[in-house]
N, C-alpha and C. Protein backbone atom coordinates (compact mmCIF):
# COMPACT_ATOMS: atom_id res chain seq x y z
N UNK A 1 10.77 -1.51 9.49
CA UNK A 1 9.63 -0.83 9.16
C UNK A 1 10.34 0.18 7.95
N UNK A 2 9.47 0.40 6.79
CA UNK A 2 9.96 1.17 5.74
C UNK A 2 10.04 2.56 6.02
N UNK A 3 11.16 3.28 5.49
CA UNK A 3 11.44 4.72 5.64
C UNK A 3 10.16 5.47 5.35
N UNK A 4 9.43 5.06 4.02
CA UNK A 4 8.59 5.85 3.56
C UNK A 4 7.32 4.95 3.40
N UNK A 5 6.18 5.19 4.19
CA UNK A 5 5.11 4.39 3.93
C UNK A 5 4.35 4.39 2.62
N UNK A 6 3.64 3.36 2.27
CA UNK A 6 2.88 3.39 1.11
C UNK A 6 1.45 4.28 1.18
N UNK A 7 1.25 4.88 0.32
CA UNK A 7 0.06 5.88 0.26
C UNK A 7 -0.95 5.35 -0.61
N UNK A 8 -2.15 5.35 -0.19
CA UNK A 8 -3.19 5.01 -0.93
C UNK A 8 -3.37 5.66 -2.39
N UNK A 9 -3.64 5.02 -3.21
CA UNK A 9 -4.06 5.42 -4.63
C UNK A 9 -2.64 5.69 -5.49
N UNK A 10 -1.50 5.56 -4.59
CA UNK A 10 -0.29 5.80 -5.42
C UNK A 10 0.25 4.46 -6.02
N UNK A 11 1.19 4.56 -7.04
CA UNK A 11 1.66 3.26 -7.68
C UNK A 11 3.15 3.18 -7.24
N UNK A 12 3.46 1.75 -7.16
CA UNK A 12 4.62 1.28 -6.68
C UNK A 12 5.04 0.20 -7.60
N UNK A 13 6.35 0.34 -7.93
CA UNK A 13 7.03 -1.00 -8.63
C UNK A 13 7.63 -1.78 -7.44
N UNK A 14 7.17 -3.06 -7.55
CA UNK A 14 7.53 -4.10 -6.50
C UNK A 14 8.30 -5.24 -7.03
N UNK A 15 9.42 -5.60 -6.34
CA UNK A 15 10.32 -6.61 -6.95
C UNK A 15 11.09 -7.38 -5.84
N UNK A 16 11.41 -8.53 -6.37
CA UNK A 16 12.39 -9.37 -5.36
C UNK A 16 12.97 -10.57 -6.33
N UNK A 17 13.80 -11.06 -5.55
CA UNK A 17 14.30 -12.41 -6.31
C UNK A 17 14.56 -13.42 -5.37
N UNK A 18 15.14 -14.56 -5.89
CA UNK A 18 15.39 -15.75 -4.85
C UNK A 18 16.67 -15.41 -3.99
N UNK A 19 16.75 -15.86 -2.96
CA UNK A 19 17.78 -15.83 -2.13
C UNK A 19 18.99 -16.50 -3.02
N UNK A 20 20.20 -16.01 -3.13
CA UNK A 20 21.42 -16.36 -3.70
C UNK A 20 20.99 -16.71 -5.31
N UNK A 21 20.20 -15.87 -5.76
CA UNK A 21 19.79 -15.95 -7.13
C UNK A 21 19.07 -17.21 -7.50
N UNK A 22 18.50 -18.01 -6.48
CA UNK A 22 18.10 -19.32 -6.77
C UNK A 22 16.75 -19.24 -7.51
N UNK A 23 16.42 -20.20 -8.21
CA UNK A 23 14.89 -20.13 -9.10
C UNK A 23 13.92 -20.32 -7.97
N UNK A 24 12.90 -19.42 -8.17
CA UNK A 24 11.78 -19.44 -7.26
C UNK A 24 10.57 -20.15 -7.93
N UNK A 25 10.64 -20.19 -9.29
CA UNK A 25 9.39 -20.78 -9.99
C UNK A 25 10.00 -22.11 -10.80
N UNK A 26 10.24 -23.23 -10.29
CA UNK A 26 10.98 -24.19 -10.99
C UNK A 26 10.18 -24.83 -12.19
N UNK A 27 8.85 -24.90 -12.03
CA UNK A 27 7.98 -25.42 -12.98
C UNK A 27 6.82 -24.49 -13.40
N UNK A 28 6.31 -24.73 -14.53
CA UNK A 28 5.27 -24.02 -15.09
C UNK A 28 3.98 -23.76 -14.17
N UNK A 29 3.64 -24.84 -13.37
CA UNK A 29 2.53 -24.97 -12.50
C UNK A 29 2.95 -23.95 -11.19
N UNK A 30 4.03 -23.75 -10.98
CA UNK A 30 4.52 -22.75 -9.81
C UNK A 30 4.12 -21.45 -10.07
N UNK A 31 4.15 -21.04 -11.53
CA UNK A 31 3.86 -19.73 -11.95
C UNK A 31 2.28 -19.64 -11.62
N UNK A 32 1.58 -20.65 -12.04
CA UNK A 32 0.18 -20.71 -11.61
C UNK A 32 -0.27 -20.50 -10.34
N UNK A 33 0.55 -21.21 -9.38
CA UNK A 33 0.21 -21.10 -8.05
C UNK A 33 0.36 -19.77 -7.45
N UNK A 34 1.42 -19.08 -7.98
CA UNK A 34 1.65 -17.68 -7.46
C UNK A 34 0.65 -16.80 -8.05
N UNK A 35 0.19 -17.06 -9.33
CA UNK A 35 -0.80 -16.09 -9.67
C UNK A 35 -2.08 -16.44 -8.97
N UNK A 36 -2.38 -17.57 -8.70
CA UNK A 36 -3.67 -17.85 -8.04
C UNK A 36 -3.59 -17.05 -6.81
N UNK A 37 -2.51 -17.02 -6.05
CA UNK A 37 -2.21 -16.36 -4.76
C UNK A 37 -2.42 -14.91 -5.11
N UNK A 38 -2.03 -14.30 -6.08
CA UNK A 38 -1.95 -12.82 -6.24
C UNK A 38 -3.52 -12.50 -6.52
N UNK A 39 -4.37 -13.59 -7.20
CA UNK A 39 -5.67 -13.06 -7.29
C UNK A 39 -6.53 -13.18 -6.25
N UNK A 40 -6.44 -14.38 -5.52
CA UNK A 40 -7.25 -14.82 -4.27
C UNK A 40 -6.90 -14.06 -3.06
N UNK A 41 -5.69 -13.79 -2.71
CA UNK A 41 -5.31 -13.03 -1.51
C UNK A 41 -5.51 -11.57 -1.56
N UNK A 42 -5.76 -10.98 -2.79
CA UNK A 42 -6.01 -9.65 -3.06
C UNK A 42 -7.41 -9.29 -2.58
N UNK A 43 -7.72 -9.50 -1.28
CA UNK A 43 -8.97 -9.19 -0.61
C UNK A 43 -8.85 -8.82 0.74
N UNK A 44 -9.40 -7.75 1.17
CA UNK A 44 -9.43 -7.07 2.39
C UNK A 44 -9.62 -8.06 3.60
N UNK A 45 -10.55 -8.87 3.28
CA UNK A 45 -11.10 -9.87 4.22
C UNK A 45 -10.23 -11.05 4.23
N UNK A 46 -9.66 -11.65 5.44
CA UNK A 46 -8.86 -12.77 5.46
C UNK A 46 -9.52 -13.98 4.89
N UNK A 47 -8.92 -14.78 4.00
CA UNK A 47 -9.59 -15.97 3.34
C UNK A 47 -9.03 -17.20 3.88
N UNK A 48 -8.14 -17.35 4.63
CA UNK A 48 -7.48 -18.57 5.08
C UNK A 48 -6.55 -19.17 3.99
N UNK A 49 -6.35 -20.38 4.00
CA UNK A 49 -5.63 -20.82 2.98
C UNK A 49 -6.28 -20.92 1.52
N UNK A 50 -5.68 -21.18 0.52
CA UNK A 50 -6.17 -21.20 -0.86
C UNK A 50 -7.16 -22.47 -0.92
N UNK A 51 -6.79 -23.51 -0.19
CA UNK A 51 -7.68 -24.62 -0.29
C UNK A 51 -9.00 -24.30 0.58
N UNK A 52 -8.98 -23.60 1.65
CA UNK A 52 -10.11 -23.28 2.53
C UNK A 52 -10.75 -22.38 1.52
N UNK A 53 -10.34 -21.51 0.82
CA UNK A 53 -11.09 -20.38 0.05
C UNK A 53 -11.67 -21.24 -1.09
N UNK A 54 -11.09 -22.01 -1.78
CA UNK A 54 -11.81 -22.75 -2.94
C UNK A 54 -12.86 -23.45 -2.29
N UNK A 55 -13.03 -24.01 -1.08
CA UNK A 55 -13.95 -24.73 -0.46
C UNK A 55 -15.06 -23.84 -0.34
N UNK A 56 -14.79 -22.57 0.42
CA UNK A 56 -15.91 -21.75 0.50
C UNK A 56 -16.57 -21.19 -0.70
N UNK A 57 -15.64 -20.89 -1.81
CA UNK A 57 -16.31 -20.50 -3.10
C UNK A 57 -17.15 -21.63 -3.82
N UNK A 58 -16.92 -22.83 -3.54
CA UNK A 58 -17.58 -23.94 -4.03
C UNK A 58 -19.10 -24.03 -3.46
N UNK A 59 -18.98 -23.63 -1.99
CA UNK A 59 -20.30 -23.64 -1.35
C UNK A 59 -21.13 -22.48 -1.78
N UNK A 60 -20.51 -21.38 -2.11
CA UNK A 60 -21.28 -20.15 -2.51
C UNK A 60 -21.43 -20.21 -4.15
N UNK A 61 -21.01 -21.07 -4.69
CA UNK A 61 -21.16 -20.90 -6.24
C UNK A 61 -20.14 -20.16 -6.77
N UNK A 62 -19.13 -19.75 -6.26
CA UNK A 62 -18.16 -18.97 -6.71
C UNK A 62 -18.30 -17.36 -6.46
N UNK A 63 -19.45 -17.05 -5.72
CA UNK A 63 -19.71 -15.80 -5.68
C UNK A 63 -19.52 -15.24 -4.18
N UNK A 64 -18.39 -14.43 -4.15
CA UNK A 64 -18.06 -14.02 -2.67
C UNK A 64 -17.82 -12.38 -3.01
N UNK A 65 -18.02 -11.58 -1.88
CA UNK A 65 -17.83 -10.22 -2.12
C UNK A 65 -16.24 -9.95 -1.74
N UNK A 66 -15.76 -8.85 -2.45
CA UNK A 66 -14.28 -8.68 -2.34
C UNK A 66 -14.01 -7.24 -2.53
N UNK A 67 -13.13 -6.86 -1.48
CA UNK A 67 -12.62 -5.35 -1.40
C UNK A 67 -11.14 -5.58 -1.54
N UNK A 68 -10.52 -5.03 -2.61
CA UNK A 68 -9.23 -5.26 -3.05
C UNK A 68 -8.13 -4.54 -1.97
N UNK A 69 -7.19 -5.22 -1.74
CA UNK A 69 -6.12 -4.66 -1.08
C UNK A 69 -5.19 -3.57 -1.90
N UNK A 70 -5.17 -4.07 -3.24
CA UNK A 70 -4.25 -3.30 -4.22
C UNK A 70 -5.12 -3.57 -5.50
N UNK A 71 -4.71 -2.48 -6.52
CA UNK A 71 -4.80 -2.87 -7.96
C UNK A 71 -3.57 -3.26 -8.45
N UNK A 72 -3.73 -4.54 -9.05
CA UNK A 72 -2.41 -5.02 -9.82
C UNK A 72 -2.47 -4.44 -11.29
N UNK A 73 -1.71 -3.58 -11.41
CA UNK A 73 -1.42 -2.89 -12.79
C UNK A 73 -0.90 -3.82 -13.92
N UNK A 74 0.28 -4.43 -13.51
CA UNK A 74 0.92 -5.38 -14.41
C UNK A 74 1.96 -6.16 -13.61
N UNK A 75 2.50 -7.30 -14.07
CA UNK A 75 3.48 -8.14 -13.54
C UNK A 75 4.32 -9.00 -14.47
N UNK A 76 5.50 -9.45 -14.09
CA UNK A 76 6.17 -10.45 -14.69
C UNK A 76 7.04 -11.26 -13.80
N UNK A 77 6.49 -12.56 -13.96
CA UNK A 77 7.30 -13.67 -13.06
C UNK A 77 8.35 -14.39 -13.94
N UNK A 78 9.62 -14.11 -13.61
CA UNK A 78 10.77 -14.81 -14.18
C UNK A 78 11.24 -15.86 -13.35
N UNK A 79 11.98 -16.83 -13.80
CA UNK A 79 12.43 -18.00 -13.07
C UNK A 79 13.01 -17.56 -11.73
N UNK A 80 13.77 -16.71 -11.63
CA UNK A 80 14.54 -16.24 -10.33
C UNK A 80 14.04 -14.89 -9.61
N UNK A 81 13.05 -14.31 -10.23
CA UNK A 81 12.68 -12.98 -9.64
C UNK A 81 11.29 -12.42 -10.30
N UNK A 82 10.79 -11.51 -9.74
CA UNK A 82 9.45 -11.18 -10.18
C UNK A 82 9.50 -9.57 -10.09
N UNK A 83 8.56 -8.92 -10.98
CA UNK A 83 8.29 -7.66 -11.08
C UNK A 83 6.67 -7.27 -10.95
N UNK A 84 6.12 -6.37 -10.26
CA UNK A 84 4.70 -6.07 -10.20
C UNK A 84 4.75 -4.38 -10.20
N UNK A 85 3.66 -3.91 -10.76
CA UNK A 85 3.13 -2.55 -10.35
C UNK A 85 1.93 -2.81 -9.62
N UNK A 86 1.79 -2.11 -8.46
CA UNK A 86 0.67 -2.08 -7.55
C UNK A 86 0.26 -0.71 -7.19
N UNK A 87 -1.07 -0.71 -7.20
CA UNK A 87 -1.63 0.73 -6.58
C UNK A 87 -2.23 0.38 -5.37
N UNK A 88 -1.99 0.95 -4.12
CA UNK A 88 -2.46 0.73 -2.91
C UNK A 88 -3.99 1.17 -2.93
N UNK A 89 -4.94 0.28 -2.26
CA UNK A 89 -6.34 0.65 -2.31
C UNK A 89 -6.73 1.08 -0.78
N UNK A 90 -6.13 0.36 0.10
CA UNK A 90 -6.60 0.59 1.51
C UNK A 90 -5.29 0.72 2.31
N UNK A 91 -5.45 1.23 3.45
CA UNK A 91 -4.16 1.53 4.39
C UNK A 91 -3.61 0.05 4.54
N UNK A 92 -2.16 0.20 4.38
CA UNK A 92 -1.45 -1.09 4.57
C UNK A 92 -1.77 -2.20 3.73
N UNK A 93 -2.38 -1.86 2.41
CA UNK A 93 -2.66 -2.76 1.54
C UNK A 93 -1.59 -3.51 0.72
N UNK A 94 -0.58 -2.86 0.40
CA UNK A 94 0.76 -3.53 -0.16
C UNK A 94 1.34 -4.45 0.72
N UNK A 95 1.52 -3.84 1.95
CA UNK A 95 2.22 -4.62 2.97
C UNK A 95 1.62 -5.91 3.15
N UNK A 96 0.07 -5.88 3.48
CA UNK A 96 -0.68 -7.09 3.78
C UNK A 96 -0.64 -7.89 2.46
N UNK A 97 -0.89 -7.42 1.39
CA UNK A 97 -0.87 -8.30 0.11
C UNK A 97 0.58 -9.17 -0.06
N UNK A 98 1.73 -8.33 0.11
CA UNK A 98 2.96 -9.00 0.04
C UNK A 98 3.10 -9.98 1.11
N UNK A 99 2.84 -9.84 2.34
CA UNK A 99 2.69 -10.72 3.50
C UNK A 99 2.00 -12.02 3.17
N UNK A 100 1.03 -11.86 2.42
CA UNK A 100 0.23 -13.09 2.32
C UNK A 100 0.72 -13.87 0.95
N UNK A 101 1.52 -13.10 0.08
CA UNK A 101 2.05 -13.84 -1.03
C UNK A 101 3.40 -14.56 -0.42
N UNK A 102 3.95 -14.14 0.71
CA UNK A 102 4.93 -14.85 1.37
C UNK A 102 4.75 -16.40 1.72
N UNK A 103 3.46 -16.74 1.80
CA UNK A 103 3.11 -18.08 1.95
C UNK A 103 3.55 -19.12 0.92
N UNK A 104 3.74 -18.40 -0.27
CA UNK A 104 4.43 -19.31 -1.50
C UNK A 104 5.66 -19.92 -1.01
N UNK A 105 6.51 -19.40 -0.18
CA UNK A 105 7.74 -20.03 0.25
C UNK A 105 7.43 -21.43 0.94
N UNK A 106 6.34 -21.54 1.79
CA UNK A 106 5.87 -22.67 2.36
C UNK A 106 5.50 -23.74 1.35
N UNK A 107 4.76 -23.26 0.23
CA UNK A 107 4.42 -24.21 -0.72
C UNK A 107 5.55 -24.65 -1.43
N UNK A 108 6.52 -23.93 -1.70
CA UNK A 108 7.77 -24.60 -2.43
C UNK A 108 8.60 -25.43 -1.48
N UNK A 109 8.54 -25.11 -0.21
CA UNK A 109 9.47 -25.93 0.67
C UNK A 109 8.82 -27.32 0.65
N UNK A 110 7.52 -27.27 0.83
CA UNK A 110 6.72 -28.64 0.96
C UNK A 110 6.84 -29.44 -0.40
N UNK A 111 6.61 -28.71 -1.26
CA UNK A 111 6.66 -29.48 -2.71
C UNK A 111 7.84 -30.03 -3.15
N UNK A 112 8.92 -29.31 -2.87
CA UNK A 112 10.26 -29.59 -3.31
C UNK A 112 11.25 -30.14 -2.13
N UNK A 113 10.75 -30.46 -1.02
CA UNK A 113 11.31 -31.02 0.05
C UNK A 113 12.54 -30.13 0.48
N UNK A 114 12.42 -28.96 0.62
CA UNK A 114 13.43 -28.14 1.07
C UNK A 114 13.11 -27.19 2.31
N UNK A 115 13.93 -26.48 2.82
CA UNK A 115 13.85 -25.67 4.08
C UNK A 115 14.48 -24.47 3.98
N UNK A 116 13.98 -23.45 4.63
CA UNK A 116 14.68 -22.06 4.69
C UNK A 116 14.06 -21.22 4.07
N UNK A 117 14.78 -20.03 3.72
CA UNK A 117 14.12 -18.62 3.07
C UNK A 117 14.30 -19.06 1.62
N UNK A 118 13.18 -18.33 0.85
CA UNK A 118 13.04 -18.62 -0.64
C UNK A 118 13.66 -17.21 -1.28
N UNK A 119 13.07 -16.08 -0.77
CA UNK A 119 13.28 -14.83 -1.40
C UNK A 119 14.48 -14.18 -0.47
N UNK A 120 15.05 -13.17 -1.37
CA UNK A 120 16.25 -12.30 -0.85
C UNK A 120 15.72 -11.28 0.02
N UNK A 121 15.49 -11.62 1.32
CA UNK A 121 14.91 -10.58 2.29
C UNK A 121 13.50 -10.13 1.97
N UNK A 122 13.24 -8.86 2.36
CA UNK A 122 11.69 -8.29 2.17
C UNK A 122 11.87 -7.73 0.82
N UNK A 123 10.59 -7.65 0.19
CA UNK A 123 10.41 -7.11 -1.18
C UNK A 123 10.98 -5.74 -1.24
N UNK A 124 11.38 -5.22 -2.29
CA UNK A 124 11.80 -3.98 -2.49
C UNK A 124 10.68 -3.13 -3.33
N UNK A 125 10.64 -1.85 -3.03
CA UNK A 125 9.57 -1.08 -3.62
C UNK A 125 10.05 0.16 -4.14
N UNK A 126 9.80 0.80 -5.36
CA UNK A 126 10.01 2.12 -5.72
C UNK A 126 8.76 2.94 -6.01
N UNK A 127 8.70 3.97 -5.46
CA UNK A 127 7.53 4.76 -5.73
C UNK A 127 7.44 5.44 -7.27
N UNK A 128 6.33 5.33 -7.96
CA UNK A 128 6.20 5.79 -9.20
C UNK A 128 5.55 7.12 -9.13
N UNK A 129 6.31 8.16 -9.36
CA UNK A 129 5.89 9.46 -8.97
C UNK A 129 5.37 10.20 -10.34
N UNK A 130 5.21 9.87 -11.39
CA UNK A 130 4.87 10.63 -12.57
C UNK A 130 4.03 9.64 -13.47
N UNK A 131 3.29 10.24 -14.29
CA UNK A 131 2.46 9.27 -15.32
C UNK A 131 3.44 8.76 -16.23
N UNK A 132 4.47 9.49 -16.60
CA UNK A 132 5.43 9.08 -17.73
C UNK A 132 6.29 7.88 -17.05
N UNK A 133 6.62 7.91 -15.84
CA UNK A 133 7.18 6.87 -15.23
C UNK A 133 6.43 5.57 -15.32
N UNK A 134 5.04 5.90 -14.77
CA UNK A 134 4.05 4.68 -14.98
C UNK A 134 4.25 4.03 -16.30
N UNK A 135 3.86 4.91 -17.40
CA UNK A 135 3.88 4.21 -18.61
C UNK A 135 4.97 3.44 -19.06
N UNK A 136 6.37 4.08 -18.74
CA UNK A 136 7.66 3.34 -19.15
C UNK A 136 7.83 2.15 -18.24
N UNK A 137 7.33 2.17 -17.06
CA UNK A 137 7.61 1.04 -16.10
C UNK A 137 6.62 -0.08 -16.30
N UNK A 138 5.46 0.30 -16.91
CA UNK A 138 4.51 -0.68 -17.39
C UNK A 138 5.12 -1.63 -18.47
N UNK A 139 5.75 -0.78 -19.40
CA UNK A 139 6.25 -1.44 -20.70
C UNK A 139 7.52 -2.28 -20.16
N UNK A 140 8.35 -1.88 -19.05
CA UNK A 140 9.35 -2.59 -18.56
C UNK A 140 8.98 -3.89 -17.98
N UNK A 141 7.86 -3.91 -17.10
CA UNK A 141 7.47 -4.94 -16.32
C UNK A 141 6.68 -5.74 -17.25
N UNK A 142 5.79 -5.46 -18.10
CA UNK A 142 4.93 -6.28 -19.06
C UNK A 142 5.96 -7.23 -19.93
N UNK A 143 7.17 -6.65 -20.31
CA UNK A 143 7.96 -7.04 -21.32
C UNK A 143 9.29 -7.63 -20.50
N UNK A 144 9.31 -7.64 -19.20
CA UNK A 144 10.63 -8.02 -18.57
C UNK A 144 11.22 -9.26 -19.08
N UNK A 145 10.47 -10.22 -19.60
CA UNK A 145 11.06 -11.49 -20.03
C UNK A 145 12.22 -11.08 -21.09
N UNK A 146 11.88 -10.09 -21.97
CA UNK A 146 12.82 -9.78 -23.11
C UNK A 146 13.97 -9.25 -22.38
N UNK A 147 14.01 -8.48 -21.43
CA UNK A 147 15.31 -8.09 -20.90
C UNK A 147 16.26 -9.17 -20.75
N UNK A 148 15.70 -10.26 -20.17
CA UNK A 148 16.48 -11.45 -19.81
C UNK A 148 16.39 -12.57 -20.78
N UNK A 149 15.83 -12.14 -22.07
CA UNK A 149 15.97 -13.07 -23.10
C UNK A 149 15.31 -14.54 -22.84
N UNK A 150 14.16 -14.41 -22.09
CA UNK A 150 13.39 -15.67 -21.79
C UNK A 150 12.21 -15.96 -22.86
N UNK A 151 11.98 -17.11 -23.22
CA UNK A 151 11.01 -17.58 -24.17
C UNK A 151 10.21 -18.63 -23.70
N UNK A 152 9.20 -19.08 -24.51
CA UNK A 152 8.43 -20.25 -24.41
C UNK A 152 7.62 -20.12 -22.99
N UNK A 153 7.74 -21.02 -22.15
CA UNK A 153 7.14 -21.13 -20.71
C UNK A 153 8.08 -20.86 -19.58
N UNK A 154 9.03 -20.12 -19.93
CA UNK A 154 10.08 -19.90 -18.91
C UNK A 154 9.70 -18.63 -18.23
N UNK A 155 8.58 -17.96 -18.42
CA UNK A 155 8.24 -16.93 -17.56
C UNK A 155 6.68 -16.58 -17.70
N UNK A 156 6.09 -15.67 -16.93
CA UNK A 156 4.69 -15.55 -17.02
C UNK A 156 4.36 -14.04 -16.80
N UNK A 157 3.84 -13.21 -17.82
CA UNK A 157 3.65 -11.94 -17.58
C UNK A 157 2.26 -11.39 -17.90
N UNK A 158 1.86 -10.21 -17.70
CA UNK A 158 0.44 -9.71 -17.98
C UNK A 158 0.47 -9.15 -19.29
N UNK A 159 1.65 -9.44 -20.17
CA UNK A 159 1.62 -8.81 -21.63
C UNK A 159 0.27 -9.37 -22.44
N UNK A 160 0.06 -10.46 -22.20
CA UNK A 160 -0.88 -11.19 -23.03
C UNK A 160 -2.25 -10.39 -22.61
N UNK A 161 -2.46 -10.04 -21.46
CA UNK A 161 -3.73 -9.25 -21.05
C UNK A 161 -3.79 -8.13 -21.79
N UNK A 162 -2.53 -7.42 -21.88
CA UNK A 162 -2.54 -5.95 -22.55
C UNK A 162 -2.83 -6.08 -24.00
N UNK A 163 -2.50 -7.02 -24.56
CA UNK A 163 -2.68 -6.92 -26.08
C UNK A 163 -3.81 -7.98 -26.65
N UNK A 164 -4.60 -8.48 -25.53
CA UNK A 164 -5.80 -9.17 -26.04
C UNK A 164 -5.20 -10.55 -26.64
N UNK A 165 -4.18 -11.21 -25.86
CA UNK A 165 -3.81 -12.48 -26.40
C UNK A 165 -4.15 -13.54 -25.37
N UNK A 166 -5.28 -13.26 -24.59
CA UNK A 166 -5.61 -14.23 -23.39
C UNK A 166 -5.00 -13.76 -22.06
N UNK A 167 -4.33 -14.59 -21.51
CA UNK A 167 -4.01 -14.38 -19.96
C UNK A 167 -4.87 -14.50 -18.94
N UNK A 168 -4.31 -14.17 -17.66
CA UNK A 168 -5.19 -14.46 -16.41
C UNK A 168 -6.23 -13.42 -16.15
N UNK A 169 -6.07 -12.25 -16.64
CA UNK A 169 -7.30 -11.05 -16.46
C UNK A 169 -7.36 -10.70 -15.01
N UNK A 170 -6.16 -10.46 -14.30
CA UNK A 170 -6.25 -10.01 -12.91
C UNK A 170 -5.78 -8.71 -12.92
N UNK A 171 -5.38 -8.01 -13.84
CA UNK A 171 -4.73 -6.73 -13.81
C UNK A 171 -5.88 -5.67 -14.05
N UNK A 172 -5.50 -4.43 -13.46
CA UNK A 172 -6.48 -3.27 -13.55
C UNK A 172 -5.57 -2.29 -14.83
N UNK A 173 -6.04 -2.61 -16.08
CA UNK A 173 -5.18 -2.05 -17.16
C UNK A 173 -5.59 -0.78 -17.46
N UNK A 174 -6.84 -0.52 -17.10
CA UNK A 174 -7.29 0.97 -17.77
C UNK A 174 -6.49 1.94 -17.24
N UNK A 175 -5.77 2.12 -16.35
CA UNK A 175 -4.95 3.28 -15.82
C UNK A 175 -3.90 3.53 -16.86
N UNK A 176 -3.39 2.38 -17.68
CA UNK A 176 -2.30 2.43 -18.65
C UNK A 176 -3.14 2.65 -19.94
N UNK A 177 -4.09 1.67 -20.17
CA UNK A 177 -4.55 1.37 -21.55
C UNK A 177 -5.49 2.57 -21.99
N UNK A 178 -6.17 3.25 -21.13
CA UNK A 178 -6.95 4.41 -21.47
C UNK A 178 -6.24 5.63 -21.97
N UNK A 179 -4.93 5.50 -21.98
CA UNK A 179 -4.16 6.72 -22.23
C UNK A 179 -3.74 6.53 -23.80
N UNK A 180 -4.25 5.34 -24.41
CA UNK A 180 -4.08 5.14 -25.79
C UNK A 180 -5.36 4.99 -26.46
N UNK A 181 -5.23 5.13 -27.88
CA UNK A 181 -6.42 5.11 -28.66
C UNK A 181 -6.91 3.45 -28.77
N UNK A 182 -5.95 2.64 -28.66
CA UNK A 182 -6.30 1.09 -28.84
C UNK A 182 -5.05 0.52 -28.33
N UNK A 183 -5.38 -0.97 -28.15
CA UNK A 183 -4.14 -1.85 -27.59
C UNK A 183 -3.12 -1.95 -28.54
N UNK A 184 -3.29 -1.77 -29.79
CA UNK A 184 -2.17 -1.90 -30.71
C UNK A 184 -1.28 -0.62 -30.62
N UNK A 185 -1.68 0.56 -30.28
CA UNK A 185 -1.00 1.77 -29.94
C UNK A 185 -0.18 1.41 -28.70
N UNK A 186 -0.94 1.08 -27.61
CA UNK A 186 -0.05 0.68 -26.45
C UNK A 186 1.17 -0.46 -26.80
N UNK A 187 0.84 -1.35 -27.58
CA UNK A 187 1.80 -2.53 -27.91
C UNK A 187 3.24 -1.69 -28.59
N UNK A 188 2.74 -0.93 -29.50
CA UNK A 188 4.06 -0.19 -30.28
C UNK A 188 4.72 0.70 -29.23
N UNK A 189 3.90 1.39 -28.31
CA UNK A 189 4.50 2.20 -27.35
C UNK A 189 5.44 1.61 -26.44
N UNK A 190 4.93 0.35 -25.98
CA UNK A 190 5.75 -0.53 -24.94
C UNK A 190 7.02 -1.07 -25.50
N UNK A 191 6.88 -1.45 -26.72
CA UNK A 191 8.11 -2.30 -27.46
C UNK A 191 9.12 -1.16 -27.72
N UNK A 192 8.65 0.06 -28.01
CA UNK A 192 9.71 1.19 -28.28
C UNK A 192 10.16 1.62 -26.91
N UNK A 193 9.41 1.80 -25.98
CA UNK A 193 10.01 2.16 -24.64
C UNK A 193 10.99 1.17 -24.22
N UNK A 194 10.53 -0.08 -24.29
CA UNK A 194 11.69 -1.00 -23.67
C UNK A 194 12.87 -0.88 -24.48
N UNK A 195 12.93 -0.63 -25.84
CA UNK A 195 14.24 -0.40 -26.58
C UNK A 195 14.92 0.82 -26.00
N UNK A 196 14.05 1.77 -25.81
CA UNK A 196 14.94 2.97 -25.27
C UNK A 196 15.38 2.71 -23.88
N UNK A 197 14.77 2.06 -22.95
CA UNK A 197 15.22 1.73 -21.65
C UNK A 197 16.40 0.98 -21.84
N UNK A 198 16.52 0.03 -22.41
CA UNK A 198 17.57 -0.90 -22.65
C UNK A 198 18.73 -0.29 -23.21
N UNK A 199 18.49 0.75 -24.07
CA UNK A 199 19.76 1.62 -24.72
C UNK A 199 20.32 2.44 -23.77
N UNK A 200 19.56 2.97 -22.66
CA UNK A 200 19.99 3.74 -21.77
C UNK A 200 20.20 3.03 -20.34
N UNK A 201 21.36 2.41 -20.22
CA UNK A 201 21.64 1.44 -19.12
C UNK A 201 21.27 1.99 -17.88
N UNK A 202 21.48 3.32 -17.74
CA UNK A 202 21.25 3.84 -16.29
C UNK A 202 19.67 3.91 -15.90
N UNK A 203 18.75 4.07 -16.92
CA UNK A 203 17.48 3.77 -16.70
C UNK A 203 17.19 2.42 -16.31
N UNK A 204 17.74 1.47 -17.05
CA UNK A 204 17.52 0.06 -16.85
C UNK A 204 17.98 -0.26 -15.38
N UNK A 205 19.14 0.25 -14.96
CA UNK A 205 19.60 0.08 -13.52
C UNK A 205 18.66 0.59 -12.64
N UNK A 206 18.14 1.68 -12.74
CA UNK A 206 17.20 2.48 -11.90
C UNK A 206 15.91 1.38 -11.71
N UNK A 207 15.31 1.01 -12.81
CA UNK A 207 14.23 0.12 -12.85
C UNK A 207 14.51 -1.27 -12.28
N UNK A 208 15.74 -1.84 -12.77
CA UNK A 208 15.99 -3.26 -12.37
C UNK A 208 16.64 -3.18 -10.80
N UNK A 209 17.19 -2.23 -10.57
CA UNK A 209 18.06 -1.96 -9.32
C UNK A 209 19.20 -3.12 -9.14
N UNK A 210 20.12 -2.69 -8.30
CA UNK A 210 21.37 -3.48 -8.01
C UNK A 210 20.94 -4.88 -7.51
N UNK A 211 19.67 -5.00 -6.97
CA UNK A 211 19.29 -6.36 -6.46
C UNK A 211 19.13 -7.23 -7.40
N UNK A 212 18.77 -6.99 -8.71
CA UNK A 212 18.44 -7.85 -9.59
C UNK A 212 19.62 -7.92 -10.77
N UNK A 213 20.76 -7.14 -10.59
CA UNK A 213 21.72 -7.23 -11.49
C UNK A 213 22.37 -8.51 -11.59
N UNK A 214 22.68 -9.05 -12.76
CA UNK A 214 23.32 -10.29 -12.81
C UNK A 214 24.86 -10.06 -13.00
């Protein structure tokens, strides 16, 4: 049990990596599968498997009621680890959401004919206790691929959503973007914030934590 419970309407930086630093997203379609899980399992009502849920949606013409467990503020999926900022919406929402995402391990084990754990223990969480921290953390998560110098299809993040370059549109961006005059202003802020974070290694370590240090 966690020492500090998650509180409704509060923001948390959630992160984890592959056991032994192993790759958890071997191919681009694996990013898509995890993102699909993030979107469809974010429902207070159990939906069964993704296959079962897609069948129900097809029967209902894609129209289903949905009460979110969490607001997904932003995310970045890297080959061997991920980051998210989540805002809990219902009691136990974050824990239930992350438990459901744990089913991704079974998907990987079946697809790649492997067995055993995929992630390094339970996911880690840091409470975001100020608006300044939220804005800076959003920059760090949205642009986390740049921290690790990843390019092309080697990552998947919500950055495109934030700057109107497409994306999966699963994030609750207003809590961040509504604090800026436009998306271009946020883009400039995020890029400068990331530069400042990386220049101050102590801040980077706080956000990345010893769990993800290389």
